[in-house]
Amino acid sequence: MGVNYIKACDSENIVSLCDVDDTYAAKVYKRYSKATRYRDFRMMLEKEKGIDAVIIGTPDHTHALPGLAAAALGKHIYCAKPLTRTIEEARILTEAVRKAGIATQISIQSNATEDHRVLCEMIWSGMIGPVTEVHIWSNRPVWPQGIDRPKETPPVPNTLDWDLFLGPAPKRPYHPIYTPFNWRGWWDFGTGALGDMGCHGFDPIVRALKLTQPSSVQASSANMREETGPSGSIVHYEFPARENYPPVKLTWYDGGLRPRRPDEWVGKKFDQTAGGILFIGTQAKIICDGVGNNPRILSKSGQIVRSKPPEVLDRSPGHYIEWIRACKGGKPADANFDYGGPLTEMVLLGNIAIRIETGDKLEWDYERMKITNHAKANRFIAEPYHNGWSLK
């Protein structure tokens, strides 16, 4: 994904590149042959004084550290979702960039699309009545989960700095199952299926329903292992009433699991490849493809309505353009860290419900950053750093 982020911003001067894997980064090094190259972001930030902004496309467990380092130097930041691997990291990084007064954006590209704006306008105009229930499903994981640590210990490729890849994660022997892609399924490095797609999918829901933080979360999963996410999970969130909006129950599904098909969805199947979202209102339902695309109304008569509501939201010039303009003094990007940080925390709370494995409902106090009814679950809010790295 780092390749795509850089390409989308290469109208600007790409002056320096940093990656722990020379082989995997080779195609990017070739494309931007004039850029200086580093393996350690600390050295890059120390030596490249002229950098104005950074793009972070590393695995989840190494978002917070370069983000905090860049914020301390006043560098603008674009970061892959989820913003961080833990809730504590998200809270600290969000506060740091707010104090630094820098331009930020989290990589939820569909946040800038026309479909997302139309979805909001459909719901705000009352086309389906008040929404009290939402279901969202994903085709993730598309990498191994529900597995144990490999026993083989092959040699580390000489083009990879394994220690820098590990960063603050606990020491473990190198194995190609972890990098360059399948790290997502391992809790030490990634945030599983929910962490991968949750920010994308929750974004249009949060925006359209003006959700605040959830009051509780509860999960069940299949084929759970200590070190990896499960092969499939269902996560139930409860959100309180806000302004003139009623409470909302939101349910997440992954690993091939899906919600019950609505009666109005006659003769059709849920998308098995891209996932989808189903909003249930008091008068009708809205079904979307993927992470909020192609919203259409399912009326109680079974008709599919595609009428477009009046426009009330400004349209975006483009997800990456928003950030570039913000870096140059324009208005904040729509998915800045003030938005993306709390969104990430919401998603990661679901992972905590998955990881406790008991199915208990967890009561969440967002302001105190604490689960109030399950002491053991709080250990996942902030996890130890290793190998000499420190968050604070």
Protein backbone atom coordinates (compact mmCIF):
# COMPACT_ATOMS: atom_id res chain seq x y z
CA MET A 1 0.00 0.00 0.00
CA GLY A 2 2.90 2.33 0.59
CA VAL A 3 3.58 2.20 -3.16
CA ASN A 4 0.05 3.39 -3.90
CA TYR A 5 0.19 6.17 -1.32
CA ILE A 6 3.43 7.53 -2.79
CA LYS A 7 2.19 7.31 -6.39
CA ALA A 8 -0.95 9.22 -5.43
CA CYS A 9 1.22 12.02 -4.02
CA ASP A 10 4.03 12.10 -6.54
CA SER A 11 2.88 15.39 -7.98
CA GLU A 12 5.05 16.59 -5.09
CA ASN A 13 8.80 16.11 -4.60
CA ILE A 14 9.55 12.59 -3.33
CA VAL A 15 12.91 13.27 -1.69
CA SER A 16 13.56 10.28 0.58
CA LEU A 17 12.46 6.65 0.96
CA CYS A 18 12.74 4.29 3.91
CA ASP A 19 12.11 0.55 4.03
CA VAL A 20 13.50 -2.38 6.03
CA ASP A 21 13.34 -4.71 3.00
CA ASP A 22 15.56 -3.75 0.06
CA THR A 23 14.10 -6.40 -2.24
CA TYR A 24 10.47 -5.52 -1.57
CA ALA A 25 11.20 -1.81 -1.93
CA ALA A 26 13.24 -2.19 -5.12
CA LYS A 27 10.43 -1.19 -7.49
CA VAL A 28 9.82 2.00 -5.52
CA TYR A 29 13.52 2.79 -5.35
CA LYS A 30 13.67 2.41 -9.14
CA ARG A 31 10.65 4.63 -9.73
CA TYR A 32 12.06 7.42 -7.54
CA SER A 33 15.72 6.92 -8.31
CA LYS A 34 16.78 10.40 -7.18
CA ALA A 35 15.38 9.94 -3.67
CA THR A 36 17.77 9.11 -0.85
CA ARG A 37 17.31 5.66 0.76
CA TYR A 38 17.24 4.53 4.37
CA ARG A 39 16.28 1.49 6.41
CA ASP A 40 15.76 3.31 9.71
CA PHE A 41 13.21 6.15 9.81
CA ARG A 42 15.08 7.76 12.70
CA MET A 43 18.16 8.23 10.56
CA MET A 44 16.06 9.56 7.69
CA LEU A 45 14.39 12.18 9.87
CA GLU A 46 17.72 13.13 11.42
CA LYS A 47 19.55 13.61 8.14
CA GLU A 48 16.82 14.85 5.79
CA LYS A 49 16.13 18.22 7.36
CA GLY A 50 14.17 19.49 4.36
CA ILE A 51 11.33 16.98 4.59
CA ASP A 52 7.96 18.72 4.92
CA ALA A 53 5.68 15.69 5.17
CA VAL A 54 5.87 11.93 5.61
CA ILE A 55 3.81 8.99 4.38
CA ILE A 56 3.68 6.00 6.73
CA GLY A 57 2.84 2.71 5.01
CA THR A 58 4.44 0.28 7.45
CA PRO A 59 2.74 -2.61 9.33
CA ASP A 60 0.34 -1.54 12.09
CA HIS A 61 2.80 -2.05 14.95
CA THR A 62 5.16 0.56 13.52
CA HIS A 63 2.75 3.41 12.80
CA ALA A 64 2.94 5.18 16.15
CA LEU A 65 6.72 5.48 16.43
CA PRO A 66 7.50 7.24 13.12
CA GLY A 67 4.28 9.21 13.53
CA LEU A 68 5.35 10.59 16.89
CA ALA A 69 8.85 11.29 15.61
CA ALA A 70 7.49 13.19 12.61
CA ALA A 71 5.00 15.12 14.76
CA ALA A 72 7.79 16.19 17.13
CA LEU A 73 9.59 17.72 14.15
CA GLY A 74 6.47 19.41 12.77
CA LYS A 75 6.20 17.17 9.70
CA HIS A 76 2.76 16.65 8.17
CA ILE A 77 1.64 13.00 8.20
CA TYR A 78 -0.31 10.64 5.98
CA CYS A 79 -0.72 7.25 7.67
CA ALA A 80 -2.13 3.87 6.74
CA LYS A 81 -5.22 2.68 8.58
CA PRO A 82 -5.73 1.66 11.29
CA LEU A 83 -3.90 4.64 12.68
CA THR A 84 -2.16 2.41 15.25
CA ARG A 85 -2.12 -1.13 16.65
CA THR A 86 -3.38 -0.25 20.15
CA ILE A 87 -5.88 2.19 21.60
CA GLU A 88 -3.24 3.85 23.76
CA GLU A 89 -1.06 4.50 20.71
CA ALA A 90 -3.99 6.05 18.86
CA ARG A 91 -4.81 8.32 21.77
CA ILE A 92 -1.19 9.48 22.23
CA LEU A 93 -0.53 10.03 18.51
CA THR A 94 -3.78 11.93 17.99
CA GLU A 95 -2.93 14.25 20.88
CA ALA A 96 0.64 14.73 19.60
CA VAL A 97 -0.38 15.84 16.11
CA ARG A 98 -3.08 18.10 17.53
CA LYS A 99 -0.48 19.89 19.66
CA ALA A 100 1.93 20.03 16.73
CA GLY A 101 -0.66 21.74 14.52
CA ILE A 102 0.27 19.66 11.48
CA ALA A 103 -1.84 18.41 8.55
CA THR A 104 -2.83 14.75 8.77
CA GLN A 105 -4.85 12.15 6.89
CA ILE A 106 -5.59 8.46 7.52
CA SER A 107 -5.84 6.14 4.51
CA ILE A 108 -9.59 5.66 4.25
CA GLN A 109 -9.74 6.66 0.60
CA SER A 110 -13.48 6.14 0.14
CA ASN A 111 -14.09 8.88 2.73
CA ALA A 112 -13.68 11.31 -0.17
CA THR A 113 -16.06 9.61 -2.61
CA GLU A 114 -19.36 10.81 -4.01
CA ASP A 115 -21.11 7.63 -2.83
CA HIS A 116 -20.24 8.35 0.79
CA ARG A 117 -21.72 11.82 0.55
CA VAL A 118 -24.86 10.54 -1.15
CA LEU A 119 -25.25 7.89 1.57
CA CYS A 120 -25.12 10.55 4.29
CA GLU A 121 -27.61 12.71 2.43
CA MET A 122 -29.99 9.79 1.95
CA ILE A 123 -30.02 9.09 5.68
CA TRP A 124 -30.08 12.73 6.79
CA SER A 125 -33.02 13.50 4.48
CA GLY A 126 -35.07 10.83 6.25
CA MET A 127 -35.47 8.55 3.24
CA ILE A 128 -35.42 5.39 5.42
CA GLY A 129 -36.43 6.85 8.77
CA PRO A 130 -34.30 6.71 11.93
CA VAL A 131 -31.59 4.02 11.77
CA THR A 132 -31.29 1.73 14.78
CA GLU A 133 -29.32 -1.18 13.35
CA VAL A 134 -26.39 -1.62 10.95
CA HIS A 135 -24.68 -4.76 9.66
CA ILE A 136 -21.28 -4.73 7.96
CA TRP A 137 -19.42 -7.70 6.50
CA SER A 138 -16.01 -8.18 4.92
CA ASN A 139 -14.21 -10.74 2.77
CA ARG A 140 -11.24 -10.58 5.17
CA PRO A 141 -9.10 -12.30 6.24
CA VAL A 142 -7.38 -13.08 2.94
CA TRP A 143 -4.22 -14.13 4.81
CA PRO A 144 -3.65 -16.94 7.34
CA GLN A 145 -5.40 -16.56 10.70
CA GLY A 146 -6.35 -19.08 13.34
CA ILE A 147 -2.89 -20.65 13.09
CA ASP A 148 0.04 -21.28 15.43
CA ARG A 149 3.56 -19.93 15.22
CA PRO A 150 5.72 -21.84 12.70
CA LYS A 151 8.40 -24.10 14.11
CA GLU A 152 10.89 -23.63 11.27
CA THR A 153 13.58 -20.97 11.64
CA PRO A 154 14.92 -20.18 8.17
CA PRO A 155 17.77 -17.68 7.82
CA VAL A 156 16.96 -14.00 7.53
CA PRO A 157 17.41 -12.72 3.95
CA ASN A 158 20.39 -10.41 3.76
CA THR A 159 18.17 -7.76 2.14
CA LEU A 160 15.88 -7.58 5.20
CA ASP A 161 16.61 -5.90 8.54
CA TRP A 162 14.59 -8.25 10.74
CA ASP A 163 15.28 -6.32 13.94
CA LEU A 164 13.92 -3.11 12.42
CA PHE A 165 10.88 -4.98 11.13
CA LEU A 166 10.21 -6.27 14.66
CA GLY A 167 10.57 -2.77 16.07
CA PRO A 168 8.71 -2.68 19.42
CA ALA A 169 7.23 -6.18 19.00
CA PRO A 170 8.58 -9.08 21.12
CA LYS A 171 11.56 -10.95 19.71
CA ARG A 172 10.79 -13.97 17.55
CA PRO A 173 12.69 -15.88 14.85
CA TYR A 174 12.30 -14.73 11.27
CA HIS A 175 9.88 -16.61 9.04
CA PRO A 176 8.45 -15.58 5.63
CA ILE A 177 4.92 -16.10 6.99
CA TYR A 178 5.24 -12.73 8.74
CA THR A 179 6.53 -10.47 5.99
CA PRO A 180 6.05 -8.81 3.59
CA PHE A 181 2.27 -9.37 3.70
CA ASN A 182 0.88 -11.90 6.15
CA TRP A 183 1.83 -9.85 9.22
CA ARG A 184 -1.77 -8.60 9.32
CA GLY A 185 -3.02 -11.77 10.96
CA TRP A 186 -0.47 -11.75 13.82
CA TRP A 187 -1.44 -9.70 16.89
CA ASP A 188 2.16 -8.59 17.49
CA PHE A 189 2.27 -6.90 14.10
CA GLY A 190 -1.26 -6.38 12.83
CA THR A 191 -4.87 -6.02 13.84
CA GLY A 192 -6.55 -8.85 11.95
CA ALA A 193 -9.57 -8.68 9.68
CA LEU A 194 -11.39 -6.05 11.72
CA GLY A 195 -8.30 -3.86 11.98
CA ASP A 196 -7.65 -4.10 8.26
CA MET A 197 -11.11 -3.16 6.97
CA GLY A 198 -12.91 -1.76 10.01
CA CYS A 199 -11.80 1.85 9.51
CA HIS A 200 -12.91 1.69 5.88
CA GLY A 201 -16.29 0.17 6.69
CA PHE A 202 -17.07 2.04 9.90
CA ASP A 203 -16.25 5.40 8.31
CA PRO A 204 -19.49 5.85 6.29
CA ILE A 205 -21.54 4.52 9.20
CA VAL A 206 -19.98 6.88 11.73
CA ARG A 207 -20.34 9.79 9.37
CA ALA A 208 -23.90 9.10 8.25
CA LEU A 209 -25.24 8.31 11.72
CA LYS A 210 -23.03 10.83 13.56
CA LEU A 211 -21.92 8.11 15.94
CA THR A 212 -19.93 8.85 19.05
CA GLN A 213 -17.88 6.16 20.81
CA PRO A 214 -19.59 2.85 21.61
CA SER A 215 -20.86 2.12 25.10
CA SER A 216 -20.19 -1.61 24.83
CA VAL A 217 -18.79 -4.34 22.59
CA GLN A 218 -19.15 -8.13 22.53
CA ALA A 219 -17.64 -10.74 20.22
CA SER A 220 -17.62 -14.38 19.24
CA SER A 221 -15.06 -16.05 17.00
CA ALA A 222 -13.98 -19.31 15.36
CA ASN A 223 -10.65 -21.11 15.48
CA MET A 224 -8.98 -18.65 17.82
CA ARG A 225 -5.26 -18.87 18.56
CA GLU A 226 -3.10 -16.98 21.03
CA GLU A 227 -0.93 -15.20 18.47
CA THR A 228 -3.27 -14.70 15.51
CA GLY A 229 -6.72 -13.41 14.86
CA PRO A 230 -9.53 -15.96 14.42
CA SER A 231 -10.56 -17.47 11.11
CA GLY A 232 -13.92 -15.73 11.50
CA SER A 233 -15.65 -13.41 13.95
CA ILE A 234 -18.84 -11.52 14.75
CA VAL A 235 -18.56 -8.34 16.81
CA HIS A 236 -21.53 -6.51 18.33
CA TYR A 237 -21.25 -2.81 19.16
CA GLU A 238 -23.80 -0.68 21.00
CA PHE A 239 -23.81 3.09 20.47
CA PRO A 240 -25.76 5.51 22.65
CA ALA A 241 -28.33 8.04 21.47
CA ARG A 242 -26.90 11.40 20.34
CA GLU A 243 -28.60 14.65 19.37
CA ASN A 244 -31.85 13.59 17.63
CA TYR A 245 -30.56 10.13 16.73
CA PRO A 246 -31.64 6.90 18.48
CA PRO A 247 -29.24 4.28 19.89
CA VAL A 248 -27.64 2.04 17.28
CA LYS A 249 -26.63 -1.62 17.28
CA LEU A 250 -23.81 -2.31 14.83
CA THR A 251 -22.65 -5.83 13.97
CA TRP A 252 -19.41 -6.71 12.16
CA TYR A 253 -18.87 -10.04 10.33
CA ASP A 254 -15.73 -11.51 8.75
CA GLY A 255 -14.31 -14.88 7.72
CA GLY A 256 -17.21 -15.66 5.38
CA LEU A 257 -19.92 -14.86 7.94
CA ARG A 258 -22.86 -12.70 6.87
CA PRO A 259 -25.99 -11.18 8.40
CA ARG A 260 -29.45 -12.58 7.74
CA ARG A 261 -30.57 -11.58 4.28
CA PRO A 262 -33.36 -8.97 4.41
CA ASP A 263 -36.75 -10.06 3.14
CA GLU A 264 -36.71 -7.23 0.60
CA TRP A 265 -33.50 -8.57 -0.97
CA VAL A 266 -35.52 -11.08 -2.99
CA GLY A 267 -33.55 -13.54 -5.10
CA LYS A 268 -30.23 -11.82 -4.44
CA LYS A 269 -27.13 -12.75 -2.49
CA PHE A 270 -24.76 -10.68 -0.40
CA ASP A 271 -21.53 -9.85 -2.20
CA GLN A 272 -19.00 -12.52 -1.25
CA THR A 273 -15.94 -10.69 -2.55
CA ALA A 274 -16.10 -7.03 -1.54
CA GLY A 275 -18.35 -7.16 1.51
CA GLY A 276 -21.14 -4.69 2.17
CA ILE A 277 -23.17 -2.61 4.61
CA LEU A 278 -26.86 -2.85 5.50
CA PHE A 279 -28.61 0.06 7.26
CA ILE A 280 -31.97 -0.77 8.83
CA GLY A 281 -34.31 2.19 9.25
CA THR A 282 -37.83 2.31 10.58
CA GLN A 283 -39.26 2.84 7.09
CA ALA A 284 -36.81 1.12 4.74
CA LYS A 285 -33.27 -0.21 4.41
CA ILE A 286 -30.14 0.89 2.56
CA ILE A 287 -27.71 -1.66 1.18
CA CYS A 288 -24.21 -0.73 0.01
CA ASP A 289 -21.46 -2.62 -1.76
CA GLY A 290 -18.00 -2.82 -0.23
CA VAL A 291 -17.36 -0.04 2.27
CA GLY A 292 -20.29 2.20 1.39
CA ASN A 293 -20.38 2.12 -2.40
CA ASN A 294 -23.50 2.26 -4.57
CA PRO A 295 -26.03 2.94 -1.78
CA ARG A 296 -29.59 2.02 -2.73
CA ILE A 297 -32.83 1.79 -0.82
CA LEU A 298 -34.70 -1.46 -0.27
CA SER A 299 -38.31 -0.48 0.26
CA LYS A 300 -40.76 -2.67 2.14
CA SER A 301 -42.46 -3.46 -1.16
CA GLY A 302 -39.24 -4.99 -2.45
CA GLN A 303 -38.43 -2.18 -4.87
CA ILE A 304 -34.86 -0.91 -5.22
CA VAL A 305 -34.86 2.89 -5.20
CA ARG A 306 -31.88 4.84 -6.52
CA SER A 307 -33.22 8.40 -6.20
CA LYS A 308 -30.62 10.96 -5.18
CA PRO A 309 -31.29 13.30 -2.24
CA PRO A 310 -30.48 17.04 -2.26
CA GLU A 311 -26.78 17.83 -1.89
CA VAL A 312 -25.86 19.30 1.49
CA LEU A 313 -22.20 18.23 1.78
CA ASP A 314 -19.23 19.78 0.03
CA ARG A 315 -17.64 17.48 -2.53
CA SER A 316 -14.02 16.42 -2.18
CA PRO A 317 -11.28 17.24 -4.69
CA GLY A 318 -9.83 13.79 -3.93
CA HIS A 319 -8.56 11.95 -0.88
CA TYR A 320 -4.87 12.60 -1.45
CA ILE A 321 -5.39 16.12 -2.79
CA GLU A 322 -7.20 16.97 0.47
CA TRP A 323 -4.07 16.12 2.41
CA ILE A 324 -1.63 17.85 0.05
CA ARG A 325 -3.70 21.02 0.17
CA ALA A 326 -3.86 20.83 3.97
CA CYS A 327 -0.06 20.50 4.09
CA LYS A 328 0.15 23.72 2.09
CA GLY A 329 -2.11 25.65 4.44
CA GLY A 330 -5.54 24.65 3.17
CA LYS A 331 -8.42 23.40 5.28
CA PRO A 332 -7.95 20.13 7.23
CA ALA A 333 -8.45 16.89 5.31
CA ASP A 334 -11.73 15.13 6.08
CA ALA A 335 -10.03 11.99 7.45
CA ASN A 336 -7.51 13.81 9.61
CA PHE A 337 -6.30 12.25 12.86
CA ASP A 338 -8.91 14.07 14.95
CA TYR A 339 -11.39 11.91 13.06
CA GLY A 340 -9.19 8.89 12.28
CA GLY A 341 -7.83 8.49 15.82
CA PRO A 342 -11.22 7.96 17.52
CA LEU A 343 -12.35 5.88 14.53
CA THR A 344 -9.33 3.62 15.02
CA GLU A 345 -10.04 3.29 18.75
CA MET A 346 -13.59 2.21 17.96
CA VAL A 347 -12.33 -0.54 15.65
CA LEU A 348 -9.59 -1.72 18.01
CA LEU A 349 -12.08 -2.03 20.86
CA GLY A 350 -13.72 -4.79 18.84
CA ASN A 351 -10.40 -6.62 18.66
CA ILE A 352 -10.18 -6.57 22.44
CA ALA A 353 -13.59 -8.24 22.62
CA ILE A 354 -12.30 -10.88 20.20
CA ARG A 355 -9.05 -11.46 22.08
CA ILE A 356 -10.57 -12.09 25.52
CA GLU A 357 -12.29 -15.15 23.95
CA THR A 358 -15.00 -15.32 26.64
CA GLY A 359 -17.80 -13.61 24.76
CA ASP A 360 -18.34 -11.21 27.66
CA LYS A 361 -19.89 -7.83 26.94
CA LEU A 362 -17.29 -5.14 27.61
CA GLU A 363 -18.48 -1.78 28.95
CA TRP A 364 -16.35 1.04 27.51
CA ASP A 365 -15.49 4.36 29.13
CA TYR A 366 -13.90 6.31 26.29
CA GLU A 367 -12.95 9.38 28.32
CA ARG A 368 -11.06 7.31 30.89
CA MET A 369 -9.79 4.90 28.20
CA LYS A 370 -10.94 1.99 30.34
CA ILE A 371 -13.11 -1.12 30.16
CA THR A 372 -15.04 -0.79 33.39
CA ASN A 373 -16.38 -4.33 33.92
CA HIS A 374 -13.53 -6.61 32.84
CA ALA A 375 -10.14 -5.84 34.39
CA LYS A 376 -8.20 -8.40 32.34
CA ALA A 377 -9.41 -6.97 29.05
CA ASN A 378 -7.68 -3.68 29.80
CA ARG A 379 -4.28 -5.27 29.20
CA PHE A 380 -4.93 -4.97 25.45
CA ILE A 381 -5.54 -1.22 25.56
CA ALA A 382 -1.83 -0.55 26.06
CA GLU A 383 0.78 -3.24 25.42
CA PRO A 384 4.48 -3.27 26.34
CA TYR A 385 7.18 -2.06 23.96
CA HIS A 386 10.30 -4.20 23.47
CA ASN A 387 13.83 -4.09 22.07
CA GLY A 388 14.68 -0.69 23.53
CA TRP A 389 11.78 1.14 21.86
CA SER A 390 9.53 3.40 23.89
CA LEU A 391 6.20 5.04 23.13
CA LYS A 392 6.58 7.85 25.64
